[in-house]
C-alpha atoms as a PDB file:
ATOM      1  CA  MET A   1     -24.025 -33.223  34.124  1.00  0.00           C
ATOM      2  CA  ALA A   2     -20.054 -33.831  34.105  1.00  0.00           C
ATOM      3  CA  THR A   3     -17.046 -32.724  35.957  1.00  0.00           C
ATOM      4  CA  GLN A   4     -14.230 -30.732  34.601  1.00  0.00           C
ATOM      5  CA  ALA A   5     -12.190 -33.936  34.115  1.00  0.00           C
ATOM      6  CA  GLU A   6     -15.002 -35.634  32.130  1.00  0.00           C
ATOM      7  CA  VAL A   7     -15.375 -32.286  29.826  1.00  0.00           C
ATOM      8  CA  GLY A   8     -11.507 -32.408  29.419  1.00  0.00           C
ATOM      9  CA  ILE A   9     -11.972 -35.973  28.298  1.00  0.00           C
ATOM     10  CA  HIS A  10     -14.464 -35.295  25.914  1.00  0.00           C
ATOM     11  CA  ILE A  11     -12.826 -32.142  24.113  1.00  0.00           C
ATOM     12  CA  ASP A  12      -9.226 -33.600  24.593  1.00  0.00           C
ATOM     13  CA  LEU A  13      -7.942 -30.914  27.170  1.00  0.00           C
ATOM     14  CA  SER A  14      -6.596 -31.220  30.686  1.00  0.00           C
ATOM     15  CA  ASP A  15      -8.636 -30.390  33.774  1.00  0.00           C
ATOM     16  CA  ARG A  16      -6.575 -27.162  34.239  1.00  0.00           C
ATOM     17  CA  GLN A  17      -7.157 -26.095  30.621  1.00  0.00           C
ATOM     18  CA  VAL A  18     -11.054 -26.621  31.201  1.00  0.00           C
ATOM     19  CA  ARG A  19     -10.831 -24.723  34.424  1.00  0.00           C
ATOM     20  CA  ASN A  20      -8.812 -21.654  32.894  1.00  0.00           C
ATOM     21  CA  LEU A  21     -11.484 -21.877  29.984  1.00  0.00           C
ATOM     22  CA  VAL A  22     -14.299 -21.594  32.629  1.00  0.00           C
ATOM     23  CA  LYS A  23     -12.659 -18.880  34.220  1.00  0.00           C
ATOM     24  CA  GLU A  24     -12.080 -16.978  30.975  1.00  0.00           C
ATOM     25  CA  GLY A  25     -15.770 -17.363  29.889  1.00  0.00           C
ATOM     26  CA  VAL A  26     -15.347 -19.490  27.271  1.00  0.00           C
ATOM     27  CA  LEU A  27     -17.100 -22.528  28.554  1.00  0.00           C
ATOM     28  CA  PRO A  28     -20.380 -22.274  30.634  1.00  0.00           C
ATOM     29  CA  ALA A  29     -19.627 -22.389  34.258  1.00  0.00           C
ATOM     30  CA  GLY A  30     -21.071 -25.350  36.220  1.00  0.00           C
ATOM     31  CA  GLN A  31     -23.553 -25.499  39.162  1.00  0.00           C
ATOM     32  CA  GLY A  32     -21.330 -26.824  41.749  1.00  0.00           C
ATOM     33  CA  PRO A  33     -19.113 -29.816  41.403  1.00  0.00           C
ATOM     34  CA  GLY A  34     -19.922 -31.880  38.608  1.00  0.00           C
ATOM     35  CA  GLY A  35     -22.313 -29.445  37.368  1.00  0.00           C
ATOM     36  CA  LEU A  36     -20.956 -28.749  33.737  1.00  0.00           C
ATOM     37  CA  ASN A  37     -23.163 -29.593  30.736  1.00  0.00           C
ATOM     38  CA  LEU A  38     -21.070 -31.630  28.582  1.00  0.00           C
ATOM     39  CA  GLU A  39     -23.079 -30.541  25.382  1.00  0.00           C
ATOM     40  CA  ALA A  40     -22.964 -26.882  25.943  1.00  0.00           C
ATOM     41  CA  CYS A  41     -19.156 -27.075  26.688  1.00  0.00           C
ATOM     42  CA  ARG A  42     -18.410 -28.972  23.594  1.00  0.00           C
ATOM     43  CA  LEU A  43     -20.238 -26.244  21.592  1.00  0.00           C
ATOM     44  CA  ALA A  44     -18.827 -23.456  23.304  1.00  0.00           C
ATOM     45  CA  TYR A  45     -15.405 -24.706  22.577  1.00  0.00           C
ATOM     46  CA  ILE A  46     -16.093 -25.467  18.827  1.00  0.00           C
ATOM     47  CA  ARG A  47     -17.135 -21.981  18.592  1.00  0.00           C
ATOM     48  CA  HIS A  48     -14.228 -20.589  20.483  1.00  0.00           C
ATOM     49  CA  LEU A  49     -11.786 -22.251  18.186  1.00  0.00           C
ATOM     50  CA  ARG A  50     -13.840 -21.229  15.253  1.00  0.00           C
ATOM     51  CA  GLY A  51     -13.630 -17.734  16.224  1.00  0.00           C
ATOM     52  CA  LYS A  52      -9.740 -17.840  16.942  1.00  0.00           C
ATOM     53  CA  VAL A  53      -9.431 -19.130  13.312  1.00  0.00           C
ATOM     54  CA  THR A  54     -11.449 -16.293  11.777  1.00  0.00           C
ATOM     55  CA  GLY A  55     -10.157 -13.805  13.910  1.00  0.00           C
ATOM     56  CA  GLN A  56     -13.553 -13.196  15.985  1.00  0.00           C
ATOM     57  CA  VAL A  57     -11.855 -13.996  19.135  1.00  0.00           C
ATOM     58  CA  ALA A  58      -9.263 -11.590  20.655  1.00  0.00           C
ATOM     59  CA  ARG A  59      -5.944 -13.301  21.289  1.00  0.00           C
ATOM     60  CA  PRO A  60      -5.131 -13.117  25.152  1.00  0.00           C
ATOM     61  CA  THR A  61      -2.746 -10.243  25.777  1.00  0.00           C
ATOM     62  CA  ALA A  62      -2.428 -11.127  29.351  1.00  0.00           C
ATOM     63  CA  ASN A  63       0.916 -12.501  28.685  1.00  0.00           C
ATOM     64  CA  LEU A  64       2.621  -9.441  27.648  1.00  0.00           C
ATOM     65  CA  ASP A  65       4.979  -8.251  30.273  1.00  0.00           C
ATOM     66  CA  GLN A  66       6.513  -4.978  30.655  1.00  0.00           C
ATOM     67  CA  HIS A  67       9.741  -6.464  29.339  1.00  0.00           C
ATOM     68  CA  SER A  68       8.638  -7.491  26.132  1.00  0.00           C
ATOM     69  CA  GLU A  69       6.569  -4.157  25.480  1.00  0.00           C
ATOM     70  CA  ARG A  70       9.656  -2.356  26.226  1.00  0.00           C
ATOM     71  CA  ALA A  71      11.623  -4.520  23.797  1.00  0.00           C
ATOM     72  CA  ARG A  72       8.980  -3.959  21.173  1.00  0.00           C
ATOM     73  CA  LEU A  73       9.032  -0.243  21.770  1.00  0.00           C
ATOM     74  CA  THR A  74      12.875  -0.172  21.453  1.00  0.00           C
ATOM     75  CA  HIS A  75      12.724  -2.286  18.294  1.00  0.00           C
ATOM     76  CA  HIS A  76      10.152   0.152  16.555  1.00  0.00           C
ATOM     77  CA  GLN A  77      12.000   3.433  17.814  1.00  0.00           C
ATOM     78  CA  ALA A  78      15.271   1.964  16.277  1.00  0.00           C
ATOM     79  CA  ASN A  79      13.310   1.290  12.707  1.00  0.00           C
ATOM     80  CA  ILE A  80      12.044   4.848  12.967  1.00  0.00           C
ATOM     81  CA  ALA A  81      15.628   6.233  13.528  1.00  0.00           C
ATOM     82  CA  GLU A  82      17.129   3.993  10.610  1.00  0.00           C
ATOM     83  CA  MET A  83      14.491   5.298   8.288  1.00  0.00           C
ATOM     84  CA  GLU A  84      15.033   8.919   9.263  1.00  0.00           C
ATOM     85  CA  GLU A  85      18.815   8.421   8.719  1.00  0.00           C
ATOM     86  CA  ARG A  86      18.094   6.827   5.315  1.00  0.00           C
ATOM     87  CA  ARG A  87      16.053   9.911   4.543  1.00  0.00           C
ATOM     88  CA  LEU A  88      18.663  12.226   5.266  1.00  0.00           C
ATOM     89  CA  GLN A  89      21.017  10.275   3.359  1.00  0.00           C
ATOM     90  CA  GLY A  90      18.906  10.614   0.519  1.00  0.00           C
ATOM     91  CA  SER A  91      18.253   6.918   0.128  1.00  0.00           C
ATOM     92  CA  LEU A  92      14.686   7.009   1.244  1.00  0.00           C
ATOM     93  CA  VAL A  93      12.286   9.319  -0.434  1.00  0.00           C
ATOM     94  CA  PRO A  94       8.687  10.115   1.012  1.00  0.00           C
ATOM     95  CA  GLU A  95       5.970   8.524  -1.404  1.00  0.00           C
ATOM     96  CA  ARG A  96       4.306  11.978  -1.847  1.00  0.00           C
ATOM     97  CA  GLU A  97       7.534  13.254  -3.551  1.00  0.00           C
ATOM     98  CA  VAL A  98       7.865  10.253  -5.745  1.00  0.00           C
ATOM     99  CA  VAL A  99       4.094  10.801  -6.724  1.00  0.00           C
ATOM    100  CA  GLU A 100       4.574  14.374  -7.438  1.00  0.00           C
ATOM    101  CA  TRP A 101       7.775  13.952  -9.281  1.00  0.00           C
ATOM    102  CA  SER A 102       5.992  11.275 -11.400  1.00  0.00           C
ATOM    103  CA  HIS A 103       3.104  13.700 -12.114  1.00  0.00           C
ATOM    104  CA  GLN A 104       5.720  16.182 -13.426  1.00  0.00           C
ATOM    105  CA  MET A 105       7.594  13.910 -15.330  1.00  0.00           C
ATOM    106  CA  ILE A 106       4.268  12.738 -17.228  1.00  0.00           C
ATOM    107  CA  ALA A 107       3.066  16.405 -17.459  1.00  0.00           C
ATOM    108  CA  ALA A 108       6.639  17.685 -19.085  1.00  0.00           C
ATOM    109  CA  ALA A 109       6.645  14.651 -21.437  1.00  0.00           C
ATOM    110  CA  LYS A 110       3.129  15.171 -22.467  1.00  0.00           C
ATOM    111  CA  SER A 111       3.782  18.806 -22.961  1.00  0.00           C
ATOM    112  CA  ARG A 112       6.900  18.068 -24.936  1.00  0.00           C
ATOM    113  CA  LEU A 113       5.307  15.415 -27.070  1.00  0.00           C
ATOM    114  CA  LEU A 114       2.073  17.299 -28.086  1.00  0.00           C
ATOM    115  CA  SER A 115       4.678  20.249 -29.055  1.00  0.00           C
ATOM    116  CA  ILE A 116       5.893  18.208 -31.932  1.00  0.00           C
ATOM    117  CA  PRO A 117       3.321  18.777 -34.458  1.00  0.00           C
ATOM    118  CA  THR A 118       3.386  22.496 -34.016  1.00  0.00           C
ATOM    119  CA  LYS A 119       7.189  22.625 -34.351  1.00  0.00           C
ATOM    120  CA  ALA A 120       7.480  20.013 -37.194  1.00  0.00           C
ATOM    121  CA  ALA A 121       4.469  21.238 -39.274  1.00  0.00           C
ATOM    122  CA  PRO A 122       6.075  24.333 -40.915  1.00  0.00           C
ATOM    123  CA  GLU A 123       9.282  21.982 -41.824  1.00  0.00           C
ATOM    124  CA  ILE A 124       7.148  19.153 -43.551  1.00  0.00           C
ATOM    125  CA  ALA A 125       4.215  21.199 -44.849  1.00  0.00           C
ATOM    126  CA  LEU A 126       5.408  21.558 -48.452  1.00  0.00           C
ATOM    127  CA  GLU A 127       7.583  18.408 -48.287  1.00  0.00           C
ATOM    128  CA  ASP A 128       6.687  15.830 -50.929  1.00  0.00           C
ATOM    129  CA  ASP A 129       9.368  13.082 -50.273  1.00  0.00           C
ATOM    130  CA  MET A 130       8.201  10.572 -47.750  1.00  0.00           C
ATOM    131  CA  ASN A 131      11.710   9.782 -46.476  1.00  0.00           C
ATOM    132  CA  THR A 132      12.530  13.623 -45.712  1.00  0.00           C
ATOM    133  CA  ILE A 133       9.080  13.759 -43.559  1.00  0.00           C
ATOM    134  CA  LYS A 134       9.908  10.599 -41.647  1.00  0.00           C
ATOM    135  CA  THR A 135      13.525  11.908 -40.840  1.00  0.00           C
ATOM    136  CA  THR A 136      12.347  15.326 -39.992  1.00  0.00           C
ATOM    137  CA  LEU A 137       9.722  13.957 -37.523  1.00  0.00           C
ATOM    138  CA  THR A 138      12.162  11.383 -36.172  1.00  0.00           C
ATOM    139  CA  ASP A 139      14.707  14.086 -35.541  1.00  0.00           C
ATOM    140  CA  PHE A 140      11.945  16.033 -33.481  1.00  0.00           C
ATOM    141  CA  VAL A 141      10.942  12.856 -31.489  1.00  0.00           C
ATOM    142  CA  TYR A 142      14.659  12.396 -30.719  1.00  0.00           C
ATOM    143  CA  GLU A 143      15.226  16.059 -29.959  1.00  0.00           C
ATOM    144  CA  ALA A 144      11.939  15.616 -27.325  1.00  0.00           C
ATOM    145  CA  LEU A 145      13.425  12.418 -25.716  1.00  0.00           C
ATOM    146  CA  ASN A 146      16.965  13.913 -25.338  1.00  0.00           C
ATOM    147  CA  GLU A 147      15.194  16.741 -23.299  1.00  0.00           C
ATOM    148  CA  LEU A 148      13.278  14.679 -21.417  1.00  0.00           C
ATOM    149  CA  ALA A 149      16.406  12.193 -20.701  1.00  0.00           C
ATOM    150  CA  THR A 150      18.073  15.260 -18.860  1.00  0.00           C
ATOM    151  CA  TRP A 151      14.747  16.513 -17.241  1.00  0.00           C
ATOM    152  CA  THR A 152      14.827  16.792 -13.306  1.00  0.00           C
ATOM    153  CA  PRO A 153      12.162  17.289 -10.837  1.00  0.00           C
ATOM    154  CA  ASP A 154      11.446  20.777  -9.405  1.00  0.00           C
ATOM    155  CA  VAL A 155      11.853  19.840  -5.777  1.00  0.00           C
ATOM    156  CA  GLU A 156       9.988  22.900  -4.674  1.00  0.00           C
ATOM    157  CA  GLY A 157       6.935  21.752  -6.589  1.00  0.00           C
ATOM    158  CA  GLY A 158       7.077  23.299 -10.002  1.00  0.00           C
ATOM    159  CA  SER A 159       7.074  21.428 -13.247  1.00  0.00           C
ATOM    160  CA  GLY A 160      10.872  20.978 -13.561  1.00  0.00           C
ATOM    161  CA  ASP A 161      13.511  22.461 -16.261  1.00  0.00           C
ATOM    162  CA  ASP A 162      11.933  24.475 -19.025  1.00  0.00           C
ATOM    163  CA  VAL A 163       9.424  21.724 -20.320  1.00  0.00           C
ATOM    164  CA  GLY A 164       6.142  23.188 -19.653  1.00  0.00           C
ATOM    165  CA  ALA A 165       3.442  21.439 -17.653  1.00  0.00           C
ATOM    166  CA  ALA A 166       0.580  19.662 -19.515  1.00  0.00           C
ATOM    167  CA  ALA A 167      -1.704  19.236 -16.688  1.00  0.00           C
ATOM    168  CA  THR A 168      -4.200  21.954 -15.057  1.00  0.00           C
ATOM    169  CA  GLU A 169      -4.810  22.407 -11.403  1.00  0.00           C
ATOM    170  CA  ASP A 170      -8.563  21.456 -11.971  1.00  0.00           C
ATOM    171  CA  GLY A 171      -7.362  17.940 -13.167  1.00  0.00           C
ATOM    172  CA  LYS A 172      -8.917  18.569 -16.497  1.00  0.00           C
ATOM    173  CA  ARG A 173      -7.588  17.099 -19.755  1.00  0.00           C
ATOM    174  CA  MET A 174      -5.065  19.035 -21.836  1.00  0.00           C
ATOM    175  CA  GLY A 175      -3.937  18.851 -25.298  1.00  0.00           C
ATOM    176  CA  GLY A 176      -6.856  20.130 -27.329  1.00  0.00           C
ATOM    177  CA  PRO A 177     -10.311  18.396 -28.094  1.00  0.00           C
ATOM    178  CA  ARG A 178     -10.127  14.529 -29.058  1.00  0.00           C
ATOM    179  CA  THR A 179     -10.826  13.942 -32.623  1.00  0.00           C
ATOM    180  CA  ALA A 180     -12.848  10.728 -33.861  1.00  0.00           C
ATOM    181  CA  ALA A 181     -10.539   8.325 -35.724  1.00  0.00           C
ATOM    182  CA  LYS A 182     -10.963   8.676 -39.428  1.00  0.00           C
END
């Protein structure tokens, strides 16, 4: 059996720190004066330190006073007000809107690009000159890219401009059947 001072020397703590750890239940309580089990206290303290490192021991919150809690609340309220102001100015956009606009843009691009073969086929079907075919196809690609460059999202949740949507509501693939590579 050992005193609080002896336990403190053994685990490199002051008497007061040992007393506080016993009161917090970290170290096992002794049986009267000089009644602490040195080995049990050492193991309990090592386990306590390991728990703090791994996050298994909750940090004491008793030191938080009303003033610091009020300051913390005020800080978060100021952050919320700043975000709301930025949203109203248009410099902060909700994530779900960005995701929706991205989906709209991808659908518009897919639709526009998939329409190129249909539009180009009649013009190049009887063409024998490879340079003419290449120029015609390049013109169609640039036309599609120019159209997409001026594309704007439909804020109301549609498909944006007049470039049709290429995705279905049920999430199924569009664009016709996949063909095996030849």
